[in-house]
């Protein structure tokens, strides 16, 4: 049943029956249902959970890499290329003569 924009689950026993609803317009948290002059049920707003089949589960926790392998390889390549272009060497390095 829908009342003032809120959805209430009342049950199938009241399907296609005329009922009297009593409620406080300032507080729609509870609505009384009356049938044939008797109070039959007090209903509360329905809680409908959202379901989305496209939502992906969170991936398992991965270890954080200390550094990027690709970036470290590129940095090493750059250093080697610079060494070859300049012909420079550090004093702590051995010099190999062919």
N, C-alpha and C. Protein backbone atom coordinates (compact mmCIF):
# COMPACT_ATOMS: atom_id res chain seq x y z
N UNK A 1 0.85 -1.15 0.00
CA UNK A 1 0.00 0.00 0.00
C UNK A 1 0.91 1.23 0.00
N UNK A 2 0.48 2.25 -0.68
CA UNK A 2 1.25 3.49 -0.75
C UNK A 2 0.43 4.60 -0.11
N UNK A 3 1.10 5.36 0.78
CA UNK A 3 0.43 6.44 1.48
C UNK A 3 1.40 7.60 1.61
N UNK A 4 1.02 8.76 1.10
CA UNK A 4 1.84 9.97 1.19
C UNK A 4 3.26 9.74 0.67
N UNK A 5 3.40 8.94 -0.39
CA UNK A 5 4.71 8.69 -0.98
C UNK A 5 5.51 7.60 -0.30
N UNK A 6 4.99 7.02 0.79
CA UNK A 6 5.68 5.93 1.50
C UNK A 6 5.02 4.61 1.14
N UNK A 7 5.83 3.56 1.07
CA UNK A 7 5.33 2.24 0.75
C UNK A 7 5.24 1.41 2.03
N UNK A 8 4.09 0.78 2.25
CA UNK A 8 3.85 -0.04 3.44
C UNK A 8 3.49 -1.45 3.00
N UNK A 9 4.06 -2.44 3.68
CA UNK A 9 3.73 -3.83 3.38
C UNK A 9 2.63 -4.26 4.35
N UNK A 10 1.45 -4.55 3.80
CA UNK A 10 0.30 -4.84 4.66
C UNK A 10 -0.07 -6.31 4.69
N UNK A 11 0.33 -7.07 3.71
CA UNK A 11 0.00 -8.49 3.69
C UNK A 11 -1.09 -8.80 2.67
N UNK A 12 -1.14 -10.05 2.26
CA UNK A 12 -2.09 -10.46 1.23
C UNK A 12 -3.51 -10.61 1.76
N UNK A 13 -3.67 -10.71 3.07
CA UNK A 13 -5.02 -10.89 3.63
C UNK A 13 -5.91 -9.67 3.41
N UNK A 14 -5.30 -8.53 3.09
CA UNK A 14 -6.08 -7.32 2.86
C UNK A 14 -6.22 -6.99 1.37
N UNK A 15 -5.83 -7.90 0.52
CA UNK A 15 -5.88 -7.69 -0.92
C UNK A 15 -7.32 -7.49 -1.39
N UNK A 16 -7.57 -6.41 -2.09
CA UNK A 16 -8.87 -6.04 -2.67
C UNK A 16 -9.96 -5.84 -1.62
N UNK A 17 -9.56 -5.43 -0.42
CA UNK A 17 -10.54 -5.12 0.62
C UNK A 17 -10.43 -3.65 0.95
N UNK A 18 -11.57 -3.06 1.29
CA UNK A 18 -11.57 -1.66 1.69
C UNK A 18 -11.28 -1.59 3.17
N UNK A 19 -10.22 -0.87 3.49
CA UNK A 19 -9.81 -0.73 4.88
C UNK A 19 -9.80 0.75 5.24
N UNK A 20 -9.89 1.01 6.53
CA UNK A 20 -9.80 2.37 7.04
C UNK A 20 -8.41 2.54 7.62
N UNK A 21 -7.75 3.62 7.23
CA UNK A 21 -6.40 3.88 7.73
C UNK A 21 -6.46 5.03 8.71
N UNK A 22 -5.81 4.84 9.85
CA UNK A 22 -5.69 5.91 10.84
C UNK A 22 -4.20 6.16 11.06
N UNK A 23 -3.84 7.44 10.92
CA UNK A 23 -2.42 7.78 11.06
C UNK A 23 -2.28 9.24 11.43
N UNK A 24 -1.14 9.54 11.99
CA UNK A 24 -0.78 10.92 12.32
C UNK A 24 -0.05 11.48 11.10
N UNK A 25 -0.59 12.52 10.46
CA UNK A 25 0.06 13.05 9.25
C UNK A 25 1.46 13.61 9.52
N UNK A 26 1.76 13.92 10.78
CA UNK A 26 3.09 14.43 11.12
C UNK A 26 4.07 13.30 11.44
N UNK A 27 3.56 12.09 11.64
CA UNK A 27 4.40 10.95 11.97
C UNK A 27 3.87 9.73 11.22
N UNK A 28 4.48 9.44 10.08
CA UNK A 28 4.02 8.31 9.26
C UNK A 28 4.79 7.03 9.55
N UNK A 29 5.41 6.94 10.72
CA UNK A 29 6.18 5.74 11.04
C UNK A 29 5.28 4.56 11.39
N UNK A 30 4.02 4.83 11.77
CA UNK A 30 3.06 3.76 12.05
C UNK A 30 1.69 4.15 11.51
N UNK A 31 1.06 3.19 10.86
CA UNK A 31 -0.28 3.39 10.31
C UNK A 31 -1.16 2.25 10.81
N UNK A 32 -2.32 2.60 11.37
CA UNK A 32 -3.26 1.58 11.85
C UNK A 32 -4.20 1.21 10.72
N UNK A 33 -4.45 -0.10 10.58
CA UNK A 33 -5.39 -0.58 9.57
C UNK A 33 -6.61 -1.13 10.28
N UNK A 34 -7.78 -0.63 9.91
CA UNK A 34 -9.04 -1.06 10.50
C UNK A 34 -9.89 -1.70 9.41
N UNK A 35 -10.52 -2.84 9.75
CA UNK A 35 -11.41 -3.54 8.83
C UNK A 35 -12.66 -3.97 9.61
N UNK A 36 -13.81 -3.63 9.11
CA UNK A 36 -15.10 -3.95 9.75
C UNK A 36 -15.16 -3.43 11.18
N UNK A 37 -14.64 -2.24 11.42
CA UNK A 37 -14.72 -1.62 12.73
C UNK A 37 -13.72 -2.15 13.75
N UNK A 38 -12.83 -3.02 13.34
CA UNK A 38 -11.83 -3.58 14.25
C UNK A 38 -10.42 -3.21 13.77
N UNK A 39 -9.59 -2.91 14.77
CA UNK A 39 -8.19 -2.63 14.45
C UNK A 39 -7.51 -3.96 14.14
N UNK A 40 -7.03 -4.11 12.90
CA UNK A 40 -6.46 -5.39 12.48
C UNK A 40 -4.93 -5.43 12.50
N UNK A 41 -4.32 -4.30 12.19
CA UNK A 41 -2.87 -4.35 12.04
C UNK A 41 -2.28 -2.95 12.16
N UNK A 42 -1.06 -2.88 12.66
CA UNK A 42 -0.28 -1.64 12.66
C UNK A 42 0.91 -1.89 11.74
N UNK A 43 1.02 -1.09 10.69
CA UNK A 43 2.08 -1.31 9.71
C UNK A 43 3.10 -0.17 9.76
N UNK A 44 4.31 -0.50 9.37
CA UNK A 44 5.41 0.46 9.32
C UNK A 44 5.91 0.53 7.88
N UNK A 45 6.63 1.59 7.54
CA UNK A 45 7.15 1.70 6.17
C UNK A 45 8.02 0.49 5.81
N UNK A 46 7.85 0.02 4.57
CA UNK A 46 8.61 -1.14 4.10
C UNK A 46 10.07 -0.74 3.90
N UNK A 47 10.95 -1.64 4.26
CA UNK A 47 12.38 -1.42 4.04
C UNK A 47 12.80 -2.28 2.85
N UNK A 48 13.04 -1.62 1.75
CA UNK A 48 13.40 -2.33 0.53
C UNK A 48 14.87 -2.07 0.24
N UNK A 49 15.63 -3.14 0.24
CA UNK A 49 17.06 -3.01 -0.05
C UNK A 49 17.29 -2.88 -1.54
N UNK A 50 18.36 -2.23 -1.89
CA UNK A 50 18.69 -2.05 -3.30
C UNK A 50 19.51 -3.23 -3.78
N UNK A 51 19.13 -3.76 -4.94
CA UNK A 51 19.88 -4.86 -5.53
C UNK A 51 20.34 -4.43 -6.91
N UNK A 52 21.59 -4.62 -7.18
CA UNK A 52 22.14 -4.30 -8.49
C UNK A 52 23.08 -5.42 -8.87
N UNK A 53 22.70 -6.19 -9.86
CA UNK A 53 23.51 -7.35 -10.23
C UNK A 53 24.82 -6.96 -10.90
N UNK A 54 24.94 -5.70 -11.31
CA UNK A 54 26.16 -5.25 -11.98
C UNK A 54 27.23 -4.78 -11.01
N UNK A 55 26.91 -4.72 -9.73
CA UNK A 55 27.90 -4.27 -8.75
C UNK A 55 28.96 -5.36 -8.60
N UNK A 56 30.20 -4.95 -8.73
CA UNK A 56 31.29 -5.92 -8.61
C UNK A 56 31.74 -6.01 -7.16
N UNK A 57 32.11 -7.21 -6.77
CA UNK A 57 32.62 -7.41 -5.42
C UNK A 57 33.98 -6.74 -5.31
N UNK A 58 34.30 -6.32 -4.11
CA UNK A 58 35.60 -5.69 -3.89
C UNK A 58 36.70 -6.71 -4.08
N UNK A 59 37.77 -6.33 -4.78
CA UNK A 59 38.87 -7.28 -4.95
C UNK A 59 39.56 -7.53 -3.62
N UNK A 60 40.16 -8.70 -3.53
CA UNK A 60 40.88 -9.03 -2.30
C UNK A 60 42.03 -8.04 -2.12
N UNK A 61 42.38 -7.84 -0.90
CA UNK A 61 43.45 -6.87 -0.61
C UNK A 61 44.76 -7.32 -1.26
N UNK A 62 45.34 -6.42 -2.00
CA UNK A 62 46.61 -6.71 -2.67
C UNK A 62 47.74 -6.02 -1.92
N UNK A 63 48.90 -6.64 -1.98
CA UNK A 63 50.06 -6.01 -1.36
C UNK A 63 50.46 -4.80 -2.20
N UNK A 64 50.78 -3.71 -1.53
CA UNK A 64 51.21 -2.53 -2.26
C UNK A 64 52.65 -2.73 -2.72
N UNK A 65 52.87 -2.41 -3.97
CA UNK A 65 54.22 -2.54 -4.52
C UNK A 65 55.07 -1.39 -4.00
N UNK A 66 56.33 -1.70 -3.71
CA UNK A 66 57.22 -0.65 -3.22
C UNK A 66 57.57 0.30 -4.35
N UNK A 67 57.64 -0.23 -5.58
CA UNK A 67 57.91 0.63 -6.74
C UNK A 67 57.40 -0.08 -7.99
N UNK A 68 57.24 0.67 -9.04
CA UNK A 68 56.79 0.11 -10.30
C UNK A 68 57.95 -0.58 -11.01
N UNK A 69 57.74 -1.81 -11.43
CA UNK A 69 58.80 -2.54 -12.13
C UNK A 69 59.14 -1.86 -13.45
N UNK A 70 58.11 -1.42 -14.14
CA UNK A 70 58.33 -0.77 -15.43
C UNK A 70 59.13 0.51 -15.27
N UNK A 71 58.75 1.31 -14.27
CA UNK A 71 59.47 2.57 -14.06
C UNK A 71 60.92 2.33 -13.65
N UNK A 72 61.16 1.32 -12.82
CA UNK A 72 62.55 1.05 -12.41
C UNK A 72 63.38 0.56 -13.59
N UNK A 73 62.80 -0.26 -14.48
CA UNK A 73 63.51 -0.71 -15.68
C UNK A 73 63.81 0.46 -16.62
N UNK A 74 62.82 1.35 -16.77
CA UNK A 74 63.02 2.50 -17.64
C UNK A 74 64.09 3.43 -17.06
N UNK A 75 64.12 3.61 -15.75
CA UNK A 75 65.13 4.46 -15.12
C UNK A 75 66.52 3.85 -15.31
N UNK A 76 66.64 2.54 -15.15
CA UNK A 76 67.93 1.87 -15.34
C UNK A 76 68.38 1.99 -16.79
N UNK A 77 67.45 1.81 -17.74
CA UNK A 77 67.77 1.98 -19.16
C UNK A 77 68.27 3.39 -19.44
N UNK A 78 67.60 4.35 -18.86
CA UNK A 78 67.98 5.75 -19.06
C UNK A 78 69.39 6.01 -18.53
N UNK A 79 69.71 5.47 -17.36
CA UNK A 79 71.05 5.64 -16.80
C UNK A 79 72.10 5.00 -17.70
N UNK A 80 71.83 3.79 -18.19
CA UNK A 80 72.77 3.09 -19.07
C UNK A 80 72.98 3.85 -20.37
N UNK A 81 71.90 4.37 -20.94
CA UNK A 81 71.99 5.13 -22.17
C UNK A 81 72.82 6.40 -21.97
N UNK A 82 72.60 7.08 -20.85
CA UNK A 82 73.34 8.30 -20.54
C UNK A 82 74.83 7.99 -20.37
N UNK A 83 75.15 6.87 -19.73
CA UNK A 83 76.55 6.47 -19.56
C UNK A 83 77.22 6.27 -20.92
N UNK A 84 76.50 5.59 -21.82
CA UNK A 84 77.08 5.31 -23.14
C UNK A 84 77.26 6.60 -23.94
N UNK A 85 76.30 7.50 -23.84
CA UNK A 85 76.39 8.75 -24.61
C UNK A 85 77.52 9.64 -24.10
N UNK A 86 77.66 9.74 -22.80
CA UNK A 86 78.66 10.64 -22.23
C UNK A 86 80.02 9.99 -22.07
N UNK A 87 80.05 8.71 -22.00
CA UNK A 87 81.30 8.01 -21.78
C UNK A 87 81.82 8.26 -20.38
N UNK A 88 80.95 8.65 -19.50
CA UNK A 88 81.36 8.98 -18.14
C UNK A 88 81.27 7.76 -17.25
N UNK A 89 82.03 7.78 -16.19
CA UNK A 89 81.95 6.72 -15.20
C UNK A 89 82.21 7.31 -13.83
N UNK A 90 81.78 6.62 -12.82
CA UNK A 90 82.02 7.06 -11.45
C UNK A 90 83.36 6.54 -10.99
N UNK A 91 83.93 7.21 -10.06
CA UNK A 91 85.23 6.78 -9.56
C UNK A 91 85.17 5.44 -8.85
N UNK A 92 84.03 5.10 -8.31
CA UNK A 92 83.88 3.84 -7.59
C UNK A 92 83.66 2.67 -8.52
N UNK A 93 83.41 2.91 -9.81
CA UNK A 93 83.12 1.83 -10.74
C UNK A 93 84.40 1.34 -11.40
N UNK A 94 84.40 0.08 -11.74
CA UNK A 94 85.54 -0.47 -12.46
C UNK A 94 85.41 -0.15 -13.94
N UNK A 95 86.52 0.10 -14.56
CA UNK A 95 86.52 0.38 -15.99
C UNK A 95 87.04 -0.86 -16.70
N UNK A 96 86.23 -1.38 -17.61
CA UNK A 96 86.63 -2.57 -18.38
C UNK A 96 87.14 -2.12 -19.73
N UNK A 97 88.37 -2.48 -20.04
CA UNK A 97 88.93 -2.15 -21.35
C UNK A 97 88.95 -3.42 -22.18
N UNK A 98 88.50 -3.32 -23.39
CA UNK A 98 88.51 -4.51 -24.25
C UNK A 98 89.88 -4.88 -24.77
